[in-house]
Amino acid sequence: MEGTGPTVLLLAGLGYGGWYWRHVRARLLPHCSVVTVDNCGSDGSEKPAGPYTTALLAEDPAAVLDALGRFSTTVVGRSLGGLIAQELAVAPSDLVGCGSQTRMSAPQLESQWSSRRRPP
């Protein structure tokens, strides 16, 4: 984690590591704390035997946020990272405050997500 202020967790898509966000990260650092992780099975992470589910892939970033003591985190995910972000958002914890996904779809999580929405 680098920077100070509100925490933003950046989750990359399939086959990409935390390095994917290097340009976005540089622009965010003056304004917030930025956390990037390599998804399980990609780049510098361990590569345990599969199958890999989005629930399994959400365990590592959740553990990182918990270890850092970061709650109500803004999570941004691209592609598979967006699916992982949704898993984090529907998990029974206060790790995620809000999220944004780009170029992804997860109809299997839609009912869980709508039940987690908080009033404005």
PDB file of N, CA and C in Angstrom:
ATOM      1  N   MET A   1       0.850  -1.171   0.000  1.00  0.00           N
ATOM      2  CA  MET A   1       0.000   0.000   0.000  1.00  0.00           C
ATOM      3  C   MET A   1       0.891   1.228   0.000  1.00  0.00           C
ATOM      4  N   GLU A   2       0.479   2.181  -0.801  1.00  0.00           N
ATOM      5  CA  GLU A   2       1.185   3.460  -0.837  1.00  0.00           C
ATOM      6  C   GLU A   2       0.172   4.589  -0.752  1.00  0.00           C
ATOM      7  N   GLY A   3       0.631   5.759  -0.354  1.00  0.00           N
ATOM      8  CA  GLY A   3      -0.221   6.929  -0.291  1.00  0.00           C
ATOM      9  C   GLY A   3      -0.906   7.066   1.053  1.00  0.00           C
ATOM     10  N   THR A   4      -1.679   8.141   1.183  1.00  0.00           N
ATOM     11  CA  THR A   4      -2.433   8.398   2.406  1.00  0.00           C
ATOM     12  C   THR A   4      -3.849   8.795   2.016  1.00  0.00           C
ATOM     13  N   GLY A   5      -4.754   8.625   2.964  1.00  0.00           N
ATOM     14  CA  GLY A   5      -6.147   8.988   2.718  1.00  0.00           C
ATOM     15  C   GLY A   5      -7.005   7.758   2.495  1.00  0.00           C
ATOM     16  N   PRO A   6      -8.197   7.959   1.926  1.00  0.00           N
ATOM     17  CA  PRO A   6      -9.119   6.850   1.699  1.00  0.00           C
ATOM     18  C   PRO A   6      -8.449   5.748   0.877  1.00  0.00           C
ATOM     19  N   THR A   7      -8.829   4.501   1.145  1.00  0.00           N
ATOM     20  CA  THR A   7      -8.199   3.363   0.482  1.00  0.00           C
ATOM     21  C   THR A   7      -8.932   2.979  -0.786  1.00  0.00           C
ATOM     22  N   VAL A   8      -8.157   2.738  -1.840  1.00  0.00           N
ATOM     23  CA  VAL A   8      -8.679   2.226  -3.106  1.00  0.00           C
ATOM     24  C   VAL A   8      -7.931   0.933  -3.416  1.00  0.00           C
ATOM     25  N   LEU A   9      -8.680  -0.149  -3.624  1.00  0.00           N
ATOM     26  CA  LEU A   9      -8.120  -1.434  -4.013  1.00  0.00           C
ATOM     27  C   LEU A   9      -8.352  -1.616  -5.503  1.00  0.00           C
ATOM     28  N   LEU A  10      -7.287  -1.895  -6.247  1.00  0.00           N
ATOM     29  CA  LEU A  10      -7.368  -2.076  -7.698  1.00  0.00           C
ATOM     30  C   LEU A  10      -7.141  -3.548  -8.038  1.00  0.00           C
ATOM     31  N   LEU A  11      -8.110  -4.161  -8.720  1.00  0.00           N
ATOM     32  CA  LEU A  11      -8.042  -5.579  -9.068  1.00  0.00           C
ATOM     33  C   LEU A  11      -8.025  -5.744 -10.586  1.00  0.00           C
ATOM     34  N   ALA A  12      -6.991  -6.386 -11.100  1.00  0.00           N
ATOM     35  CA  ALA A  12      -6.817  -6.560 -12.540  1.00  0.00           C
ATOM     36  C   ALA A  12      -7.597  -7.769 -13.055  1.00  0.00           C
ATOM     37  N   GLY A  13      -7.643  -7.878 -14.365  1.00  0.00           N
ATOM     38  CA  GLY A  13      -8.340  -8.977 -15.018  1.00  0.00           C
ATOM     39  C   GLY A  13      -7.467 -10.212 -15.173  1.00  0.00           C
ATOM     40  N   LEU A  14      -8.026 -11.210 -15.808  1.00  0.00           N
ATOM     41  CA  LEU A  14      -7.372 -12.499 -16.010  1.00  0.00           C
ATOM     42  C   LEU A  14      -6.025 -12.332 -16.705  1.00  0.00           C
ATOM     43  N   GLY A  15      -4.984 -12.903 -16.090  1.00  0.00           N
ATOM     44  CA  GLY A  15      -3.657 -12.881 -16.680  1.00  0.00           C
ATOM     45  C   GLY A  15      -2.848 -11.636 -16.408  1.00  0.00           C
ATOM     46  N   TYR A  16      -3.420 -10.694 -15.694  1.00  0.00           N
ATOM     47  CA  TYR A  16      -2.710  -9.450 -15.377  1.00  0.00           C
ATOM     48  C   TYR A  16      -2.443  -9.377 -13.884  1.00  0.00           C
ATOM     49  N   GLY A  17      -1.385  -8.708 -13.525  1.00  0.00           N
ATOM     50  CA  GLY A  17      -1.054  -8.509 -12.122  1.00  0.00           C
ATOM     51  C   GLY A  17      -1.326  -7.078 -11.715  1.00  0.00           C
ATOM     52  N   GLY A  18      -0.886  -6.743 -10.516  1.00  0.00           N
ATOM     53  CA  GLY A  18      -1.066  -5.385 -10.017  1.00  0.00           C
ATOM     54  C   GLY A  18      -0.421  -4.330 -10.898  1.00  0.00           C
ATOM     55  N   TRP A  19       0.604  -4.710 -11.649  1.00  0.00           N
ATOM     56  CA  TRP A  19       1.287  -3.769 -12.548  1.00  0.00           C
ATOM     57  C   TRP A  19       0.329  -3.176 -13.581  1.00  0.00           C
ATOM     58  N   TYR A  20      -0.765  -3.857 -13.882  1.00  0.00           N
ATOM     59  CA  TYR A  20      -1.736  -3.379 -14.881  1.00  0.00           C
ATOM     60  C   TYR A  20      -2.201  -1.958 -14.563  1.00  0.00           C
ATOM     61  N   TRP A  21      -2.273  -1.629 -13.278  1.00  0.00           N
ATOM     62  CA  TRP A  21      -2.819  -0.354 -12.832  1.00  0.00           C
ATOM     63  C   TRP A  21      -1.761   0.743 -12.674  1.00  0.00           C
ATOM     64  N   ARG A  22      -0.543   0.538 -13.144  1.00  0.00           N
ATOM     65  CA  ARG A  22       0.551   1.463 -12.840  1.00  0.00           C
ATOM     66  C   ARG A  22       0.228   2.920 -13.192  1.00  0.00           C
ATOM     67  N   HIS A  23      -0.440   3.179 -14.311  1.00  0.00           N
ATOM     68  CA  HIS A  23      -0.730   4.564 -14.695  1.00  0.00           C
ATOM     69  C   HIS A  23      -1.862   5.152 -13.846  1.00  0.00           C
ATOM     70  N   VAL A  24      -2.871   4.353 -13.573  1.00  0.00           N
ATOM     71  CA  VAL A  24      -3.976   4.801 -12.720  1.00  0.00           C
ATOM     72  C   VAL A  24      -3.463   5.037 -11.306  1.00  0.00           C
ATOM     73  N   ARG A  25      -2.654   4.112 -10.844  1.00  0.00           N
ATOM     74  CA  ARG A  25      -2.091   4.207  -9.497  1.00  0.00           C
ATOM     75  C   ARG A  25      -1.318   5.515  -9.305  1.00  0.00           C
ATOM     76  N   ALA A  26      -0.501   5.841 -10.276  1.00  0.00           N
ATOM     77  CA  ALA A  26       0.291   7.075 -10.188  1.00  0.00           C
ATOM     78  C   ALA A  26      -0.605   8.303 -10.055  1.00  0.00           C
ATOM     79  N   ARG A  27      -1.756   8.281 -10.703  1.00  0.00           N
ATOM     80  CA  ARG A  27      -2.666   9.433 -10.634  1.00  0.00           C
ATOM     81  C   ARG A  27      -3.474   9.449  -9.344  1.00  0.00           C
ATOM     82  N   LEU A  28      -3.673   8.290  -8.741  1.00  0.00           N
ATOM     83  CA  LEU A  28      -4.442   8.218  -7.498  1.00  0.00           C
ATOM     84  C   LEU A  28      -3.606   8.548  -6.260  1.00  0.00           C
ATOM     85  N   LEU A  29      -2.328   8.225  -6.292  1.00  0.00           N
ATOM     86  CA  LEU A  29      -1.485   8.350  -5.100  1.00  0.00           C
ATOM     87  C   LEU A  29      -1.501   9.721  -4.421  1.00  0.00           C
ATOM     88  N   PRO A  30      -1.581  10.830  -5.141  1.00  0.00           N
ATOM     89  CA  PRO A  30      -1.638  12.106  -4.419  1.00  0.00           C
ATOM     90  C   PRO A  30      -2.923  12.296  -3.610  1.00  0.00           C
ATOM     91  N   HIS A  31      -3.924  11.443  -3.851  1.00  0.00           N
ATOM     92  CA  HIS A  31      -5.235  11.644  -3.248  1.00  0.00           C
ATOM     93  C   HIS A  31      -5.684  10.556  -2.279  1.00  0.00           C
ATOM     94  N   CYS A  32      -5.091   9.376  -2.365  1.00  0.00           N
ATOM     95  CA  CYS A  32      -5.576   8.268  -1.536  1.00  0.00           C
ATOM     96  C   CYS A  32      -4.507   7.191  -1.358  1.00  0.00           C
ATOM     97  N   SER A  33      -4.823   6.228  -0.495  1.00  0.00           N
ATOM     98  CA  SER A  33      -3.968   5.052  -0.317  1.00  0.00           C
ATOM     99  C   SER A  33      -4.368   4.042  -1.388  1.00  0.00           C
ATOM    100  N   VAL A  34      -3.398   3.490  -2.080  1.00  0.00           N
ATOM    101  CA  VAL A  34      -3.684   2.567  -3.175  1.00  0.00           C
ATOM    102  C   VAL A  34      -3.112   1.190  -2.851  1.00  0.00           C
ATOM    103  N   VAL A  35      -3.958   0.175  -3.012  1.00  0.00           N
ATOM    104  CA  VAL A  35      -3.566  -1.213  -2.796  1.00  0.00           C
ATOM    105  C   VAL A  35      -3.769  -1.966  -4.101  1.00  0.00           C
ATOM    106  N   THR A  36      -2.740  -2.673  -4.546  1.00  0.00           N
ATOM    107  CA  THR A  36      -2.869  -3.577  -5.681  1.00  0.00           C
ATOM    108  C   THR A  36      -2.358  -4.947  -5.242  1.00  0.00           C
ATOM    109  N   VAL A  37      -2.958  -5.980  -5.792  1.00  0.00           N
ATOM    110  CA  VAL A  37      -2.532  -7.348  -5.497  1.00  0.00           C
ATOM    111  C   VAL A  37      -2.466  -8.115  -6.811  1.00  0.00           C
ATOM    112  N   ASP A  38      -1.644  -9.125  -6.837  1.00  0.00           N
ATOM    113  CA  ASP A  38      -1.659 -10.068  -7.956  1.00  0.00           C
ATOM    114  C   ASP A  38      -2.709 -11.117  -7.640  1.00  0.00           C
ATOM    115  N   ASN A  39      -3.643 -11.316  -8.551  1.00  0.00           N
ATOM    116  CA  ASN A  39      -4.661 -12.344  -8.332  1.00  0.00           C
ATOM    117  C   ASN A  39      -3.997 -13.707  -8.219  1.00  0.00           C
ATOM    118  N   CYS A  40      -4.585 -14.557  -7.415  1.00  0.00           N
ATOM    119  CA  CYS A  40      -4.090 -15.923  -7.243  1.00  0.00           C
ATOM    120  C   CYS A  40      -3.914 -16.579  -8.614  1.00  0.00           C
ATOM    121  N   GLY A  41      -2.731 -17.126  -8.857  1.00  0.00           N
ATOM    122  CA  GLY A  41      -2.464 -17.792 -10.127  1.00  0.00           C
ATOM    123  C   GLY A  41      -1.864 -16.904 -11.192  1.00  0.00           C
ATOM    124  N   SER A  42      -1.671 -15.616 -10.899  1.00  0.00           N
ATOM    125  CA  SER A  42      -1.071 -14.737 -11.913  1.00  0.00           C
ATOM    126  C   SER A  42       0.154 -14.030 -11.352  1.00  0.00           C
ATOM    127  N   ASP A  43       1.022 -13.651 -12.239  1.00  0.00           N
ATOM    128  CA  ASP A  43       2.248 -12.925 -11.912  1.00  0.00           C
ATOM    129  C   ASP A  43       2.974 -13.504 -10.708  1.00  0.00           C
ATOM    130  N   GLY A  44       3.221 -12.685  -9.676  1.00  0.00           N
ATOM    131  CA  GLY A  44       4.037 -13.104  -8.548  1.00  0.00           C
ATOM    132  C   GLY A  44       3.306 -13.881  -7.475  1.00  0.00           C
ATOM    133  N   SER A  45       2.039 -14.196  -7.690  1.00  0.00           N
ATOM    134  CA  SER A  45       1.286 -14.914  -6.663  1.00  0.00           C
ATOM    135  C   SER A  45       1.536 -16.413  -6.747  1.00  0.00           C
ATOM    136  N   GLU A  46       1.100 -17.101  -5.696  1.00  0.00           N
ATOM    137  CA  GLU A  46       1.168 -18.563  -5.721  1.00  0.00           C
ATOM    138  C   GLU A  46       0.202 -19.085  -6.769  1.00  0.00           C
ATOM    139  N   LYS A  47       0.468 -20.280  -7.257  1.00  0.00           N
ATOM    140  CA  LYS A  47      -0.365 -20.872  -8.290  1.00  0.00           C
ATOM    141  C   LYS A  47      -0.849 -22.255  -7.834  1.00  0.00           C
ATOM    142  N   PRO A  48      -1.753 -22.276  -6.844  1.00  0.00           N
ATOM    143  CA  PRO A  48      -2.254 -23.562  -6.366  1.00  0.00           C
ATOM    144  C   PRO A  48      -3.109 -24.244  -7.433  1.00  0.00           C
ATOM    145  N   ALA A  49      -3.326 -25.538  -7.245  1.00  0.00           N
ATOM    146  CA  ALA A  49      -4.180 -26.266  -8.173  1.00  0.00           C
ATOM    147  C   ALA A  49      -5.581 -25.674  -8.160  1.00  0.00           C
ATOM    148  N   GLY A  50      -6.222 -25.638  -9.327  1.00  0.00           N
ATOM    149  CA  GLY A  50      -7.571 -25.094  -9.463  1.00  0.00           C
ATOM    150  C   GLY A  50      -8.609 -26.085  -8.993  1.00  0.00           C
ATOM    151  N   PRO A  51      -9.857 -25.837  -9.240  1.00  0.00           N
ATOM    152  CA  PRO A  51     -10.330 -24.708 -10.034  1.00  0.00           C
ATOM    153  C   PRO A  51     -10.328 -23.411  -9.224  1.00  0.00           C
ATOM    154  N   TYR A  52     -10.199 -22.306  -9.924  1.00  0.00           N
ATOM    155  CA  TYR A  52     -10.233 -20.996  -9.290  1.00  0.00           C
ATOM    156  C   TYR A  52     -11.644 -20.432  -9.459  1.00  0.00           C
ATOM    157  N   THR A  53     -12.270 -20.107  -8.359  1.00  0.00           N
ATOM    158  CA  THR A  53     -13.578 -19.461  -8.398  1.00  0.00           C
ATOM    159  C   THR A  53     -13.390 -17.996  -8.016  1.00  0.00           C
ATOM    160  N   THR A  54     -14.375 -17.169  -8.310  1.00  0.00           N
ATOM    161  CA  THR A  54     -14.258 -15.767  -7.903  1.00  0.00           C
ATOM    162  C   THR A  54     -14.248 -15.661  -6.377  1.00  0.00           C
ATOM    163  N   ALA A  55     -14.949 -16.569  -5.706  1.00  0.00           N
ATOM    164  CA  ALA A  55     -14.926 -16.560  -4.239  1.00  0.00           C
ATOM    165  C   ALA A  55     -13.514 -16.851  -3.726  1.00  0.00           C
ATOM    166  N   LEU A  56     -12.848 -17.816  -4.326  1.00  0.00           N
ATOM    167  CA  LEU A  56     -11.466 -18.131  -3.942  1.00  0.00           C
ATOM    168  C   LEU A  56     -10.554 -16.945  -4.239  1.00  0.00           C
ATOM    169  N   LEU A  57     -10.717 -16.340  -5.411  1.00  0.00           N
ATOM    170  CA  LEU A  57      -9.864 -15.215  -5.794  1.00  0.00           C
ATOM    171  C   LEU A  57     -10.098 -13.991  -4.912  1.00  0.00           C
ATOM    172  N   ALA A  58     -11.271 -13.892  -4.306  1.00  0.00           N
ATOM    173  CA  ALA A  58     -11.566 -12.758  -3.417  1.00  0.00           C
ATOM    174  C   ALA A  58     -10.924 -12.913  -2.042  1.00  0.00           C
ATOM    175  N   GLU A  59     -10.511 -14.124  -1.698  1.00  0.00           N
ATOM    176  CA  GLU A  59      -9.943 -14.355  -0.368  1.00  0.00           C
ATOM    177  C   GLU A  59      -8.643 -13.583  -0.145  1.00  0.00           C
ATOM    178  N   ASP A  60      -7.772 -13.539  -1.153  1.00  0.00           N
ATOM    179  CA  ASP A  60      -6.482 -12.855  -0.970  1.00  0.00           C
ATOM    180  C   ASP A  60      -6.636 -11.351  -0.773  1.00  0.00           C
ATOM    181  N   PRO A  61      -7.357 -10.634  -1.659  1.00  0.00           N
ATOM    182  CA  PRO A  61      -7.498  -9.196  -1.403  1.00  0.00           C
ATOM    183  C   PRO A  61      -8.237  -8.901  -0.097  1.00  0.00           C
ATOM    184  N   ALA A  62      -9.194  -9.757   0.271  1.00  0.00           N
ATOM    185  CA  ALA A  62      -9.886  -9.562   1.551  1.00  0.00           C
ATOM    186  C   ALA A  62      -8.902  -9.693   2.710  1.00  0.00           C
ATOM    187  N   ALA A  63      -8.025 -10.680   2.644  1.00  0.00           N
ATOM    188  CA  ALA A  63      -7.022 -10.879   3.697  1.00  0.00           C
ATOM    189  C   ALA A  63      -6.052  -9.703   3.752  1.00  0.00           C
ATOM    190  N   VAL A  64      -5.679  -9.163   2.598  1.00  0.00           N
ATOM    191  CA  VAL A  64      -4.773  -8.014   2.559  1.00  0.00           C
ATOM    192  C   VAL A  64      -5.430  -6.808   3.226  1.00  0.00           C
ATOM    193  N   LEU A  65      -6.680  -6.511   2.843  1.00  0.00           N
ATOM    194  CA  LEU A  65      -7.380  -5.373   3.441  1.00  0.00           C
ATOM    195  C   LEU A  65      -7.540  -5.558   4.942  1.00  0.00           C
ATOM    196  N   ASP A  66      -7.873  -6.773   5.358  1.00  0.00           N
ATOM    197  CA  ASP A  66      -8.039  -7.059   6.777  1.00  0.00           C
ATOM    198  C   ASP A  66      -6.720  -6.870   7.524  1.00  0.00           C
ATOM    199  N   ALA A  67      -5.631  -7.378   6.950  1.00  0.00           N
ATOM    200  CA  ALA A  67      -4.312  -7.246   7.591  1.00  0.00           C
ATOM    201  C   ALA A  67      -3.888  -5.782   7.688  1.00  0.00           C
ATOM    202  N   LEU A  68      -4.285  -4.982   6.704  1.00  0.00           N
ATOM    203  CA  LEU A  68      -3.951  -3.551   6.720  1.00  0.00           C
ATOM    204  C   LEU A  68      -4.894  -2.751   7.615  1.00  0.00           C
ATOM    205  N   GLY A  69      -5.962  -3.397   8.081  1.00  0.00           N
ATOM    206  CA  GLY A  69      -6.944  -2.698   8.904  1.00  0.00           C
ATOM    207  C   GLY A  69      -7.749  -1.695   8.107  1.00  0.00           C
ATOM    208  N   ARG A  70      -7.951  -1.977   6.834  1.00  0.00           N
ATOM    209  CA  ARG A  70      -8.673  -1.053   5.955  1.00  0.00           C
ATOM    210  C   ARG A  70     -10.104  -1.533   5.757  1.00  0.00           C
ATOM    211  N   PHE A  71     -11.062  -0.675   6.063  1.00  0.00           N
ATOM    212  CA  PHE A  71     -12.476  -0.991   5.920  1.00  0.00           C
ATOM    213  C   PHE A  71     -13.145   0.094   5.091  1.00  0.00           C
ATOM    214  N   SER A  72     -14.324  -0.170   4.598  1.00  0.00           N
ATOM    215  CA  SER A  72     -15.049   0.747   3.718  1.00  0.00           C
ATOM    216  C   SER A  72     -14.175   1.173   2.542  1.00  0.00           C
ATOM    217  N   THR A  73     -13.472   0.217   1.979  1.00  0.00           N
ATOM    218  CA  THR A  73     -12.561   0.454   0.862  1.00  0.00           C
ATOM    219  C   THR A  73     -13.330   0.612  -0.439  1.00  0.00           C
ATOM    220  N   THR A  74     -12.849   1.500  -1.292  1.00  0.00           N
ATOM    221  CA  THR A  74     -13.359   1.586  -2.654  1.00  0.00           C
ATOM    222  C   THR A  74     -12.613   0.557  -3.475  1.00  0.00           C
ATOM    223  N   VAL A  75     -13.355  -0.303  -4.168  1.00  0.00           N
ATOM    224  CA  VAL A  75     -12.743  -1.364  -4.957  1.00  0.00           C
ATOM    225  C   VAL A  75     -13.053  -1.118  -6.432  1.00  0.00           C
ATOM    226  N   VAL A  76     -11.999  -1.146  -7.236  1.00  0.00           N
ATOM    227  CA  VAL A  76     -12.147  -1.002  -8.689  1.00  0.00           C
ATOM    228  C   VAL A  76     -11.577  -2.252  -9.331  1.00  0.00           C
ATOM    229  N   GLY A  77     -12.377  -2.900 -10.154  1.00  0.00           N
ATOM    230  CA  GLY A  77     -11.921  -4.109 -10.823  1.00  0.00           C
ATOM    231  C   GLY A  77     -12.215  -4.059 -12.307  1.00  0.00           C
ATOM    232  N   ARG A  78     -11.309  -4.625 -13.086  1.00  0.00           N
ATOM    233  CA  ARG A  78     -11.496  -4.708 -14.522  1.00  0.00           C
ATOM    234  C   ARG A  78     -11.635  -6.172 -14.904  1.00  0.00           C
ATOM    235  N   SER A  79     -12.654  -6.472 -15.693  1.00  0.00           N
ATOM    236  CA  SER A  79     -12.882  -7.810 -16.193  1.00  0.00           C
ATOM    237  C   SER A  79     -13.013  -8.783 -15.012  1.00  0.00           C
ATOM    238  N   LEU A  80     -12.151  -9.787 -14.927  1.00  0.00           N
ATOM    239  CA  LEU A  80     -12.206 -10.722 -13.804  1.00  0.00           C
ATOM    240  C   LEU A  80     -12.069  -9.982 -12.478  1.00  0.00           C
ATOM    241  N   GLY A  81     -11.289  -8.919 -12.446  1.00  0.00           N
ATOM    242  CA  GLY A  81     -11.156  -8.121 -11.231  1.00  0.00           C
ATOM    243  C   GLY A  81     -12.494  -7.539 -10.792  1.00  0.00           C
ATOM    244  N   GLY A  82     -13.364  -7.234 -11.749  1.00  0.00           N
ATOM    245  CA  GLY A  82     -14.707  -6.747 -11.427  1.00  0.00           C
ATOM    246  C   GLY A  82     -15.549  -7.818 -10.765  1.00  0.00           C
ATOM    247  N   LEU A  83     -15.393  -9.052 -11.238  1.00  0.00           N
ATOM    248  CA  LEU A  83     -16.116 -10.164 -10.612  1.00  0.00           C
ATOM    249  C   LEU A  83     -15.621 -10.405  -9.193  1.00  0.00           C
ATOM    250  N   ILE A  84     -14.315 -10.287  -9.017  1.00  0.00           N
ATOM    251  CA  ILE A  84     -13.736 -10.440  -7.678  1.00  0.00           C
ATOM    252  C   ILE A  84     -14.243  -9.310  -6.779  1.00  0.00           C
ATOM    253  N   ALA A  85     -14.318  -8.098  -7.326  1.00  0.00           N
ATOM    254  CA  ALA A  85     -14.827  -6.955  -6.561  1.00  0.00           C
ATOM    255  C   ALA A  85     -16.260  -7.210  -6.104  1.00  0.00           C
ATOM    256  N   GLN A  86     -17.060  -7.817  -6.967  1.00  0.00           N
ATOM    257  CA  GLN A  86     -18.434  -8.117  -6.568  1.00  0.00           C
ATOM    258  C   GLN A  86     -18.468  -9.160  -5.458  1.00  0.00           C
ATOM    259  N   GLU A  87     -17.605 -10.140  -5.535  1.00  0.00           N
ATOM    260  CA  GLU A  87     -17.530 -11.127  -4.445  1.00  0.00           C
ATOM    261  C   GLU A  87     -17.194 -10.436  -3.127  1.00  0.00           C
ATOM    262  N   LEU A  88     -16.262  -9.504  -3.165  1.00  0.00           N
ATOM    263  CA  LEU A  88     -15.904  -8.774  -1.951  1.00  0.00           C
ATOM    264  C   LEU A  88     -17.087  -7.955  -1.444  1.00  0.00           C
ATOM    265  N   ALA A  89     -17.829  -7.365  -2.369  1.00  0.00           N
ATOM    266  CA  ALA A  89     -18.941  -6.501  -1.992  1.00  0.00           C
ATOM    267  C   ALA A  89     -20.088  -7.275  -1.352  1.00  0.00           C
ATOM    268  N   VAL A  90     -20.319  -8.509  -1.785  1.00  0.00           N
ATOM    269  CA  VAL A  90     -21.433  -9.286  -1.220  1.00  0.00           C
ATOM    270  C   VAL A  90     -21.001 -10.117  -0.012  1.00  0.00           C
ATOM    271  N   ALA A  91     -19.722 -10.124   0.291  1.00  0.00           N
ATOM    272  CA  ALA A  91     -19.229 -10.870   1.451  1.00  0.00           C
ATOM    273  C   ALA A  91     -19.730 -10.214   2.740  1.00  0.00           C
ATOM    274  N   PRO A  92     -19.976 -11.008   3.756  1.00  0.00           N
ATOM    275  CA  PRO A  92     -20.471 -10.455   5.021  1.00  0.00           C
ATOM    276  C   PRO A  92     -19.360  -9.780   5.836  1.00  0.00           C
ATOM    277  N   SER A  93     -18.910  -8.629   5.369  1.00  0.00           N
ATOM    278  CA  SER A  93     -17.890  -7.873   6.101  1.00  0.00           C
ATOM    279  C   SER A  93     -18.045  -6.403   5.760  1.00  0.00           C
ATOM    280  N   ASP A  94     -17.254  -5.574   6.406  1.00  0.00           N
ATOM    281  CA  ASP A  94     -17.281  -4.135   6.141  1.00  0.00           C
ATOM    282  C   ASP A  94     -16.039  -3.696   5.377  1.00  0.00           C
ATOM    283  N   LEU A  95     -15.403  -4.617   4.664  1.00  0.00           N
ATOM    284  CA  LEU A  95     -14.178  -4.271   3.940  1.00  0.00           C
ATOM    285  C   LEU A  95     -14.449  -3.323   2.782  1.00  0.00           C
ATOM    286  N   VAL A  96     -15.598  -3.482   2.129  1.00  0.00           N
ATOM    287  CA  VAL A  96     -15.890  -2.708   0.918  1.00  0.00           C
ATOM    288  C   VAL A  96     -16.974  -1.685   1.198  1.00  0.00           C
ATOM    289  N   GLY A  97     -16.674  -0.430   0.846  1.00  0.00           N
ATOM    290  CA  GLY A  97     -17.655   0.637   0.976  1.00  0.00           C
ATOM    291  C   GLY A  97     -18.390   0.876  -0.316  1.00  0.00           C
ATOM    292  N   CYS A  98     -17.660   0.831  -1.427  1.00  0.00           N
ATOM    293  CA  CYS A  98     -18.281   0.982  -2.745  1.00  0.00           C
ATOM    294  C   CYS A  98     -17.364   0.333  -3.772  1.00  0.00           C
ATOM    295  N   GLY A  99     -17.905   0.100  -4.951  1.00  0.00           N
ATOM    296  CA  GLY A  99     -17.119  -0.582  -5.971  1.00  0.00           C
ATOM    297  C   GLY A  99     -17.444  -0.093  -7.359  1.00  0.00           C
ATOM    298  N   SER A 100     -16.552  -0.388  -8.272  1.00  0.00           N
ATOM    299  CA  SER A 100     -16.741  -0.055  -9.670  1.00  0.00           C
ATOM    300  C   SER A 100     -16.125  -1.172 -10.499  1.00  0.00           C
ATOM    301  N   GLN A 101     -16.870  -1.623 -11.495  1.00  0.00           N
ATOM    302  CA  GLN A 101     -16.353  -2.665 -12.359  1.00  0.00           C
ATOM    303  C   GLN A 101     -16.357  -2.157 -13.788  1.00  0.00           C
ATOM    304  N   THR A 102     -15.382  -2.591 -14.562  1.00  0.00           N
ATOM    305  CA  THR A 102     -15.328  -2.217 -15.963  1.00  0.00           C
ATOM    306  C   THR A 102     -15.239  -3.465 -16.817  1.00  0.00           C
ATOM    307  N   ARG A 103     -15.994  -3.485 -17.893  1.00  0.00           N
ATOM    308  CA  ARG A 103     -15.974  -4.589 -18.856  1.00  0.00           C
ATOM    309  C   ARG A 103     -16.103  -5.955 -18.210  1.00  0.00           C
ATOM    310  N   MET A 104     -17.231  -6.158 -17.552  1.00  0.00           N
ATOM    311  CA  MET A 104     -17.458  -7.458 -16.941  1.00  0.00           C
ATOM    312  C   MET A 104     -18.939  -7.692 -16.795  1.00  0.00           C
ATOM    313  N   SER A 105     -19.300  -8.928 -16.483  1.00  0.00           N
ATOM    314  CA  SER A 105     -20.689  -9.299 -16.281  1.00  0.00           C
ATOM    315  C   SER A 105     -20.741 -10.420 -15.255  1.00  0.00           C
ATOM    316  N   ALA A 106     -21.700 -10.341 -14.352  1.00  0.00           N
ATOM    317  CA  ALA A 106     -21.816 -11.383 -13.337  1.00  0.00           C
ATOM    318  C   ALA A 106     -23.277 -11.582 -12.949  1.00  0.00           C
ATOM    319  N   PRO A 107     -24.091 -12.123 -13.848  1.00  0.00           N
ATOM    320  CA  PRO A 107     -25.503 -12.307 -13.512  1.00  0.00           C
ATOM    321  C   PRO A 107     -25.713 -13.214 -12.310  1.00  0.00           C
ATOM    322  N   GLN A 108     -24.786 -14.131 -12.051  1.00  0.00           N
ATOM    323  CA  GLN A 108     -24.944 -15.034 -10.918  1.00  0.00           C
ATOM    324  C   GLN A 108     -24.851 -14.311  -9.582  1.00  0.00           C
ATOM    325  N   LEU A 109     -24.290 -13.109  -9.552  1.00  0.00           N
ATOM    326  CA  LEU A 109     -24.156 -12.358  -8.298  1.00  0.00           C
ATOM    327  C   LEU A 109     -25.179 -11.240  -8.169  1.00  0.00           C
ATOM    328  N   GLU A 110     -25.990 -11.036  -9.206  1.00  0.00           N
ATOM    329  CA  GLU A 110     -26.898  -9.895  -9.217  1.00  0.00           C
ATOM    330  C   GLU A 110     -27.840  -9.879  -8.011  1.00  0.00           C
ATOM    331  N   SER A 111     -28.436 -11.018  -7.669  1.00  0.00           N
ATOM    332  CA  SER A 111     -29.379 -11.034  -6.549  1.00  0.00           C
ATOM    333  C   SER A 111     -28.666 -10.728  -5.234  1.00  0.00           C
ATOM    334  N   GLN A 112     -27.452 -11.226  -5.047  1.00  0.00           N
ATOM    335  CA  GLN A 112     -26.714 -10.931  -3.817  1.00  0.00           C
ATOM    336  C   GLN A 112     -26.340  -9.453  -3.754  1.00  0.00           C
ATOM    337  N   TRP A 113     -25.945  -8.901  -4.890  1.00  0.00           N
ATOM    338  CA  TRP A 113     -25.527  -7.505  -4.927  1.00  0.00           C
ATOM    339  C   TRP A 113     -26.695  -6.594  -4.585  1.00  0.00           C
ATOM    340  N   SER A 114     -27.875  -6.850  -5.170  1.00  0.00           N
ATOM    341  CA  SER A 114     -29.016  -5.978  -4.915  1.00  0.00           C
ATOM    342  C   SER A 114     -29.440  -6.035  -3.451  1.00  0.00           C
ATOM    343  N   SER A 115     -29.235  -7.169  -2.788  1.00  0.00           N
ATOM    344  CA  SER A 115     -29.599  -7.253  -1.377  1.00  0.00           C
ATOM    345  C   SER A 115     -28.605  -6.509  -0.494  1.00  0.00           C
ATOM    346  N   ARG A 116     -27.408  -6.204  -0.987  1.00  0.00           N
ATOM    347  CA  ARG A 116     -26.372  -5.501  -0.222  1.00  0.00           C
ATOM    348  C   ARG A 116     -26.412  -3.992  -0.423  1.00  0.00           C
ATOM    349  N   ARG A 117     -27.155  -3.527  -1.438  1.00  0.00           N
ATOM    350  CA  ARG A 117     -27.170  -2.083  -1.714  1.00  0.00           C
ATOM    351  C   ARG A 117     -27.622  -1.317  -0.481  1.00  0.00           C
ATOM    352  N   ARG A 118     -26.921  -0.245  -0.233  1.00  0.00           N
ATOM    353  CA  ARG A 118     -27.246   0.580   0.907  1.00  0.00           C
ATOM    354  C   ARG A 118     -27.961   1.834   0.428  1.00  0.00           C
ATOM    355  N   PRO A 119     -28.907   2.334   1.185  1.00  0.00           N
ATOM    356  CA  PRO A 119     -29.576   3.571   0.763  1.00  0.00           C
ATOM    357  C   PRO A 119     -28.589   4.729   0.719  1.00  0.00           C
ATOM    358  N   PRO A 120     -28.828   5.685  -0.176  1.00  0.00           N
ATOM    359  CA  PRO A 120     -27.898   6.840  -0.278  1.00  0.00           C
ATOM    360  C   PRO A 120     -27.877   7.690   0.963  1.00  0.00           C
TER     361      PRO A 120
END
